Protein backbone atom coordinates (compact mmCIF):
# COMPACT_ATOMS: atom_id res chain seq x y z
CA MET A 1 160.67 -19.92 268.48
CA ASP A 2 161.66 -18.58 271.90
CA VAL A 3 159.02 -15.91 272.56
CA HIS A 4 159.01 -13.90 275.80
CA GLY A 5 156.23 -11.96 277.47
CA THR A 6 152.56 -12.48 278.15
CA VAL A 7 149.26 -12.91 276.32
CA ALA A 8 145.85 -12.62 277.97
CA GLU A 9 143.30 -15.37 277.48
CA GLY A 10 141.56 -14.97 274.15
CA PHE A 11 144.47 -13.20 272.44
CA GLU A 12 146.53 -16.34 271.75
CA PRO A 13 146.11 -15.85 267.96
CA VAL A 14 148.40 -12.81 268.25
CA ARG A 15 151.15 -14.93 269.77
CA ASP A 16 150.71 -17.50 266.99
CA ALA A 17 150.98 -14.79 264.33
CA PHE A 18 154.03 -13.30 266.07
CA VAL A 19 155.78 -16.69 265.95
CA ARG A 20 154.93 -17.06 262.24
CA ASN A 21 156.49 -13.65 261.58
CA PHE A 22 159.81 -15.23 262.56
CA THR A 23 159.37 -18.69 261.07
CA ASP A 24 157.68 -17.67 257.80
CA LEU A 25 158.28 -13.95 257.26
CA GLY A 26 161.89 -13.62 258.36
CA ASP A 27 161.64 -11.31 261.38
CA ARG A 28 164.94 -11.22 263.31
CA GLY A 29 163.99 -9.12 266.31
CA ALA A 30 160.62 -7.59 267.12
CA ALA A 31 158.05 -6.79 269.77
CA VAL A 32 154.28 -6.34 269.77
CA ALA A 33 152.04 -4.79 272.42
CA VAL A 34 148.26 -4.54 272.49
CA ARG A 35 146.03 -2.79 275.01
CA HIS A 36 142.30 -3.51 275.22
CA ASP A 37 139.95 -1.34 277.24
CA GLY A 38 142.77 -0.01 279.37
CA ARG A 39 144.67 -3.22 280.11
CA THR A 40 147.63 -4.84 278.42
CA VAL A 41 146.54 -8.05 276.70
CA VAL A 42 149.63 -8.69 274.56
CA ASP A 43 153.25 -7.92 275.48
CA LEU A 44 155.63 -10.08 273.44
CA TRP A 45 159.20 -9.90 272.19
CA ALA A 46 161.61 -12.29 270.49
CA GLY A 47 164.78 -12.54 268.47
CA THR A 48 167.86 -10.33 268.69
CA ARG A 49 168.10 -6.67 269.65
CA ASP A 50 170.35 -5.97 266.62
CA VAL A 51 169.38 -7.03 263.12
CA ASP A 52 172.96 -8.19 262.57
CA GLY A 53 173.75 -9.45 266.09
CA THR A 54 173.16 -12.26 268.56
CA GLU A 55 172.35 -10.45 271.81
CA PRO A 56 168.74 -11.24 272.71
CA TRP A 57 165.93 -8.72 272.54
CA ARG A 58 164.92 -7.85 276.08
CA ARG A 59 161.95 -6.13 277.68
CA GLY A 60 162.42 -2.44 276.98
CA THR A 61 164.43 -2.83 273.76
CA ALA A 62 163.59 0.13 271.53
CA GLN A 63 164.02 0.63 267.79
CA VAL A 64 163.89 3.36 265.17
CA VAL A 65 160.27 3.37 263.98
CA ARG A 66 160.69 5.50 260.85
CA SER A 67 157.41 7.12 259.78
CA ALA A 68 155.48 5.74 262.74
CA THR A 69 157.16 8.82 264.25
CA LYS A 70 154.71 11.00 262.31
CA GLY A 71 151.71 9.83 264.33
CA VAL A 72 153.53 10.53 267.59
CA ALA A 73 154.72 13.96 266.45
CA ALA A 74 151.25 14.91 265.20
CA ALA A 75 150.00 14.91 268.78
CA VAL A 76 152.13 17.98 269.51
CA PRO A 77 150.35 20.51 267.24
CA LEU A 78 146.99 18.94 268.07
CA LEU A 79 147.61 19.38 271.80
CA LEU A 80 148.77 22.95 271.18
CA HIS A 81 145.47 23.51 269.36
CA GLN A 82 143.60 21.87 272.23
CA ARG A 83 145.28 24.31 274.63
CA GLY A 84 144.38 27.31 272.49
CA GLU A 85 147.95 28.04 271.40
CA LEU A 86 147.61 27.06 267.72
CA ASP A 87 144.80 27.67 265.23
CA LEU A 88 144.52 24.84 262.71
CA ASP A 89 142.86 27.14 260.18
CA ALA A 90 145.42 29.92 260.43
CA PRO A 91 148.14 30.33 257.79
CA VAL A 92 151.43 28.77 258.82
CA SER A 93 152.99 32.18 258.12
CA ALA A 94 150.93 33.73 260.94
CA TYR A 95 153.31 31.92 263.30
CA TRP A 96 156.29 31.62 260.96
CA PRO A 97 156.60 34.86 258.91
CA GLY A 98 159.57 33.62 256.89
CA PHE A 99 157.42 30.82 255.49
CA LYS A 100 155.45 33.11 253.13
CA ALA A 101 157.84 32.88 250.16
CA HIS A 102 156.59 31.59 246.79
CA GLY A 103 152.86 31.80 247.51
CA LYS A 104 152.95 29.74 250.69
CA GLU A 105 150.81 32.27 252.53
CA ARG A 106 147.95 30.00 251.42
CA VAL A 107 149.35 27.00 253.37
CA LEU A 108 147.24 26.51 256.50
CA VAL A 109 148.35 24.70 259.64
CA ARG A 110 145.91 21.87 258.87
CA HIS A 111 147.55 21.45 255.43
CA VAL A 112 150.78 20.46 257.17
CA LEU A 113 148.94 17.70 259.03
CA ASN A 114 146.74 16.42 256.19
CA HIS A 115 149.53 16.34 253.56
CA ARG A 116 147.92 19.04 251.41
CA ALA A 117 150.65 21.69 251.74
CA GLY A 118 152.08 20.93 248.29
CA LEU A 119 155.62 20.69 249.70
CA PRO A 120 156.61 17.02 249.58
CA VAL A 121 159.95 17.67 247.81
CA LEU A 122 162.96 19.97 247.96
CA ASP A 123 164.53 21.33 244.79
CA ARG A 124 167.90 20.63 246.40
CA PRO A 125 168.03 17.62 248.71
CA LEU A 126 169.70 18.16 252.05
CA SER A 127 172.93 16.42 252.97
CA ALA A 128 172.90 14.17 256.01
CA GLY A 129 174.63 16.85 258.07
CA GLU A 130 172.15 19.52 257.02
CA ALA A 131 169.21 17.26 257.77
CA LEU A 132 170.34 16.66 261.34
CA ASP A 133 170.63 20.38 262.07
CA PRO A 134 167.45 21.51 263.89
CA TRP A 135 167.11 24.71 261.84
CA HIS A 136 168.35 23.78 258.37
CA GLY A 137 165.39 21.57 257.40
CA PRO A 138 162.73 24.10 258.41
CA GLU A 139 164.62 26.85 256.58
CA ALA A 140 164.74 24.70 253.45
CA VAL A 141 160.97 24.09 253.35
CA ALA A 142 160.36 27.79 254.11
CA ALA A 143 162.33 28.65 250.96
CA GLN A 144 160.68 25.97 248.79
CA ALA A 145 157.93 26.65 246.25
CA PRO A 146 154.87 24.36 246.35
CA VAL A 147 154.56 21.80 243.57
CA TRP A 148 150.75 22.09 243.60
CA GLU A 149 148.32 24.70 244.84
CA PRO A 150 148.19 24.27 248.63
CA GLY A 151 144.96 22.75 249.84
CA THR A 152 143.81 21.47 246.45
CA ASP A 153 145.30 17.95 246.52
CA HIS A 154 147.18 15.60 248.78
CA GLY A 155 150.45 13.72 248.61
CA TYR A 156 152.54 12.10 251.32
CA HIS A 157 155.17 14.49 252.69
CA ALA A 158 157.59 11.69 253.51
CA LEU A 159 160.43 13.78 254.95
CA THR A 160 159.36 17.41 254.63
CA TYR A 161 156.44 16.76 257.01
CA GLY A 162 158.90 16.73 259.87
CA TRP A 163 160.54 20.04 259.00
CA LEU A 164 157.19 21.72 258.41
CA LEU A 165 155.87 20.52 261.74
CA ASP A 166 159.05 21.27 263.67
CA GLY A 167 159.44 24.75 262.22
CA LEU A 168 155.90 25.54 263.30
CA VAL A 169 156.22 24.02 266.78
CA GLN A 170 159.50 25.81 267.45
CA ARG A 171 157.97 29.17 266.64
CA VAL A 172 154.85 28.60 268.71
CA THR A 173 156.51 27.10 271.78
CA GLY A 174 160.20 27.97 271.66
CA ARG A 175 160.93 24.24 271.95
CA THR A 176 161.66 21.59 269.36
CA THR A 177 159.00 18.97 268.73
CA GLY A 178 161.25 16.41 270.41
CA ALA A 179 161.69 18.49 273.56
CA TRP A 180 157.97 19.28 273.79
CA LEU A 181 157.07 15.63 273.31
CA ALA A 182 159.51 14.55 276.02
CA ASP A 183 158.20 17.10 278.54
CA GLU A 184 154.47 16.98 277.85
CA ILE A 185 153.79 13.44 276.57
CA ALA A 186 156.53 10.88 277.17
CA ARG A 187 157.37 11.87 280.74
CA PRO A 188 153.79 12.07 282.11
CA LEU A 189 152.98 8.70 280.55
CA GLY A 190 156.31 7.06 281.40
CA LEU A 191 156.93 6.17 277.74
CA ASP A 192 160.13 4.66 276.42
CA LEU A 193 159.77 6.88 273.38
CA TRP A 194 162.16 9.53 272.14
CA LEU A 195 162.44 12.02 269.31
CA GLY A 196 166.10 12.64 269.87
CA LEU A 197 167.63 9.79 271.91
CA PRO A 198 169.37 11.21 275.02
CA ALA A 199 173.06 10.45 275.42
CA ASP A 200 172.52 8.43 278.59
CA GLU A 201 169.94 6.22 276.84
CA GLU A 202 172.33 5.74 273.91
CA ALA A 203 175.10 4.77 276.31
CA ALA A 204 172.75 2.33 278.06
CA GLY A 205 172.12 0.56 274.76
CA ARG A 206 168.38 1.17 274.77
CA ALA A 207 168.06 1.11 270.98
CA GLY A 208 168.98 -1.86 268.84
CA ARG A 209 170.60 -1.75 265.43
CA VAL A 210 168.25 -1.75 262.45
CA GLY A 211 168.79 -2.77 258.83
CA ARG A 212 167.33 -4.18 255.65
CA ILE A 213 166.31 -7.83 255.55
CA ASP A 214 165.46 -10.05 252.60
CA GLU A 215 161.91 -10.28 251.32
CA PRO A 216 160.02 -13.52 251.85
CA GLU A 217 159.15 -15.45 248.72
CA PRO A 218 156.62 -14.83 247.40
CA LEU A 219 156.26 -11.30 248.74
CA ALA A 220 152.99 -11.00 250.63
CA GLY A 221 151.03 -7.81 251.20
CA GLY A 222 152.55 -4.39 250.64
CA LEU A 223 151.14 -1.54 248.63
CA ARG A 224 148.48 -2.17 246.03
CA LEU A 225 149.25 -1.07 242.50
CA ARG A 226 147.32 1.52 240.56
CA PRO A 227 146.06 0.21 237.22
CA LYS A 228 147.95 2.70 235.04
CA ARG A 229 151.20 3.13 236.98
CA SER A 230 152.83 0.83 239.45
CA VAL A 231 154.51 1.85 242.66
CA THR A 232 157.69 0.27 241.33
CA ALA A 233 157.68 2.58 238.31
CA ALA A 234 157.19 5.62 240.53
CA TYR A 235 160.19 4.69 242.65
CA ASP A 236 162.32 3.97 239.59
CA ASP A 237 161.66 7.37 237.98
CA PRO A 238 164.20 9.93 239.29
CA GLY A 239 161.86 12.77 238.34
CA SER A 240 158.74 11.44 240.05
CA LEU A 241 157.32 13.07 243.15
CA THR A 242 157.66 9.68 244.82
CA ARG A 243 161.38 9.42 244.27
CA ARG A 244 162.00 13.09 245.05
CA ALA A 245 159.92 13.02 248.24
CA PHE A 246 161.80 10.06 249.68
CA GLY A 247 165.05 11.54 248.39
CA ALA A 248 164.78 14.89 250.19
CA ILE A 249 167.86 13.81 252.16
CA ALA A 250 170.70 12.46 250.05
CA PRO A 251 172.52 10.38 250.98
CA PHE A 252 170.27 9.26 253.81
CA PRO A 253 172.05 9.04 257.20
CA ASP A 254 173.03 5.76 258.78
CA GLN A 255 170.06 5.04 261.06
CA ASN A 256 172.36 3.36 263.59
CA ASP A 257 174.67 6.38 263.88
CA PRO A 258 174.39 7.91 267.37
CA ALA A 259 174.33 11.37 265.76
CA TYR A 260 171.25 10.40 263.73
CA ARG A 261 169.49 8.91 266.74
CA ALA A 262 170.29 11.99 268.87
CA ALA A 263 168.75 14.33 266.29
CA ALA A 264 165.02 15.02 266.12
CA LEU A 265 163.38 14.44 262.73
CA PRO A 266 159.61 14.37 263.41
CA ALA A 267 158.97 12.57 260.13
CA THR A 268 161.25 9.61 260.50
CA ASN A 269 163.63 8.99 263.41
CA GLY A 270 161.55 8.43 266.52
CA ILE A 271 162.77 5.59 268.75
CA ALA A 272 160.25 3.58 270.74
CA THR A 273 159.31 0.29 272.29
CA ALA A 274 156.17 -1.52 271.16
CA ASP A 275 154.66 -0.94 274.59
CA ALA A 276 155.32 2.81 274.31
CA LEU A 277 153.50 3.01 270.98
CA ALA A 278 150.53 1.08 272.36
CA ARG A 279 150.39 3.20 275.53
CA PHE A 280 150.70 6.42 273.51
CA TYR A 281 147.75 5.53 271.27
CA ALA A 282 145.75 4.31 274.24
CA ALA A 283 146.25 7.72 275.86
CA LEU A 284 145.03 9.48 272.71
CA ALA A 285 141.79 7.49 272.76
CA GLY A 286 141.25 7.18 276.52
CA GLU A 287 142.93 7.28 279.91
CA VAL A 288 146.21 5.57 280.79
CA ASP A 289 147.30 5.67 284.44
CA GLY A 290 145.32 8.83 285.01
CA VAL A 291 146.58 10.59 281.87
CA ARG A 292 144.41 11.31 278.83
CA LEU A 293 146.00 13.31 276.01
CA PHE A 294 143.12 14.16 273.66
CA THR A 295 139.74 15.52 274.62
CA PRO A 296 136.84 13.89 272.74
CA ALA A 297 136.75 16.88 270.37
CA THR A 298 140.46 16.62 269.55
CA LEU A 299 140.17 12.86 269.08
CA ALA A 300 137.28 13.36 266.66
CA ALA A 301 139.25 15.98 264.71
CA ALA A 302 142.39 13.82 264.54
CA ARG A 303 140.58 10.93 262.84
CA ALA A 304 138.10 12.85 260.70
CA GLU A 305 138.90 12.37 257.03
CA GLU A 306 140.79 15.36 255.62
CA SER A 307 142.38 13.81 252.53
CA ALA A 308 141.34 10.76 250.50
CA GLY A 309 141.90 9.30 247.06
CA PRO A 310 144.92 8.98 244.76
CA ASP A 311 148.04 10.14 246.58
CA ARG A 312 150.37 12.18 244.37
CA VAL A 313 153.44 10.77 246.10
CA LEU A 314 152.59 7.21 247.15
CA VAL A 315 150.71 6.52 243.88
CA VAL A 316 147.95 4.63 245.69
CA GLY A 317 144.73 5.70 247.34
CA THR A 318 145.41 6.99 250.84
CA ARG A 319 143.31 8.51 253.63
CA PHE A 320 144.55 11.03 256.18
CA GLY A 321 143.10 12.79 259.17
CA LEU A 322 145.11 15.45 260.97
CA GLY A 323 148.56 13.90 261.14
CA TYR A 324 147.26 10.34 261.10
CA MET A 325 146.69 7.78 258.40
CA LEU A 326 143.19 6.37 258.47
CA HIS A 327 142.05 2.81 257.84
CA GLY A 328 141.97 2.01 254.13
CA GLY A 329 143.26 -0.23 251.38
CA ALA A 330 146.79 1.15 251.39
CA SER A 331 147.14 0.98 255.15
CA PRO A 332 144.64 -1.38 256.79
CA PHE A 333 144.22 -1.00 260.53
CA LEU A 334 141.54 -2.67 262.61
CA GLY A 335 138.38 -0.98 261.36
CA PRO A 336 136.82 2.15 259.84
CA GLY A 337 137.43 4.27 262.95
CA SER A 338 141.10 3.32 263.38
CA PHE A 339 143.82 5.95 263.11
CA GLY A 340 147.59 5.74 263.43
CA HIS A 341 150.73 5.58 261.33
CA PRO A 342 152.97 2.89 259.85
CA GLY A 343 156.72 3.19 259.52
CA ARG A 344 158.27 2.38 256.17
CA GLY A 345 159.45 -1.19 256.22
CA GLY A 346 157.85 -2.43 259.42
CA ALA A 347 156.73 -0.48 262.48
CA LEU A 348 153.09 0.33 263.21
CA GLY A 349 151.13 2.14 265.89
CA PHE A 350 147.40 2.84 265.92
CA ALA A 351 144.25 3.06 268.01
CA ASP A 352 140.75 1.83 267.31
CA PRO A 353 138.49 3.62 269.80
CA GLU A 354 135.40 1.62 268.82
CA SER A 355 136.96 -1.68 269.92
CA GLY A 356 139.13 -0.22 272.69
CA ILE A 357 142.33 -1.46 271.01
CA ALA A 358 145.69 0.32 270.98
CA PHE A 359 148.51 -1.40 269.08
CA GLY A 360 152.29 -1.12 268.77
CA TYR A 361 154.74 -3.18 266.72
CA VAL A 362 158.46 -2.48 266.29
CA THR A 363 161.12 -4.46 264.44
CA ASN A 364 164.83 -4.20 263.64
CA GLY A 365 164.38 -5.65 260.13
CA PHE A 366 163.14 -3.25 257.46
CA ARG A 367 161.52 -4.40 254.24
CA ARG A 368 160.41 -2.62 251.06
CA SER A 369 156.83 -2.10 252.23
CA VAL A 370 155.79 1.51 252.77
CA THR A 371 152.36 1.47 254.39
CA ALA A 372 151.29 -2.15 254.90
CA ASP A 373 154.07 -4.44 256.06
CA PRO A 374 153.04 -8.14 255.96
CA ARG A 375 154.33 -8.80 259.49
CA ALA A 376 152.38 -5.94 261.07
CA GLN A 377 149.31 -6.83 259.03
CA ALA A 378 149.45 -10.46 260.21
CA LEU A 379 149.38 -9.24 263.80
CA VAL A 380 146.49 -6.86 263.12
CA ARG A 381 144.47 -9.70 261.56
CA ALA A 382 145.18 -11.81 264.65
CA VAL A 383 143.92 -9.04 266.92
CA ARG A 384 140.74 -8.85 264.83
CA ALA A 385 140.31 -12.61 265.02
CA SER A 386 140.72 -12.50 268.80
CA LEU A 387 138.03 -9.84 269.11
CA ASP A 388 135.69 -11.68 266.75
CA ALA A 389 136.04 -14.87 268.77
CA ALA A 390 135.32 -13.20 272.10
């Protein structure tokens, strides 16, 4: 396997695992980046930039990272809170008066971030065109009735998370989440990370084409099954919260369409390099080139457990902080203090402040996994092995 990039001494197991992702797990194009105590120790890429092409992946190739976007977008309201512009314990309607309909005056800002708002579905799914409009999605969730009492339970807001967050951010700042992220996070840190790919970056071919790839046989990893109801059954049932949550846009847009990549959906269509994800998480947990995003208090709040147990949408046990998944059986990271977010089918970004690790993995080949892709997990295990051997 022709692998490009560098690995610091002691982190060779990550390179070995990265190669096996191609030879054994079917990766076609991917990159992984790891930072340890402020320095880059892994920066690797291989394969093709397009899932269906032959042009090689190059340094700086970016990909759609699906729900790994959520962890990036979550930094926006948390930084607004850190600056005193947003109260996490205030009702969403205090900033967004039109949100009150159908008893939603009880939805707090923190409920948006910890997946307790009770709004994972829409009674009428949005068309692709409606979903790409910056106002239509927020208006739809503002008009939606909760499917459980806000604050009393949790369930993954697969797509509605983005509209809830963006509607709130727009009303607090006058900017979209994507614009705020570009100005206040990506630019100061020099990140190749976009929520809304600019036209010049699209024209420059910064983002590769993504697509579904076959599962390895036998399928390794993935979500664990609950004893009384499998994840497969939940996805097969048109009336389940699972199916409805992931079907809040129907039909789903072509993820390679320039119009989709130019839009800003804070739940699902961020575009990033592996290095950008690793640098972003490193800047949440510490300093990167003189920039630190979270104060210690904000970092502690982001990864403090807010929701745990059976997830009403994912049908497995999940753990959430404020906008971030936490280490657990459904989404293993490096250790108990890790926080981050996977992207459905592949991508992963997280930080583990206790070990000083920040991690980013992006791929152009999506699989069925939702929270624990076997390729990303193989790399995480290799990072752990490298640390254990040090």
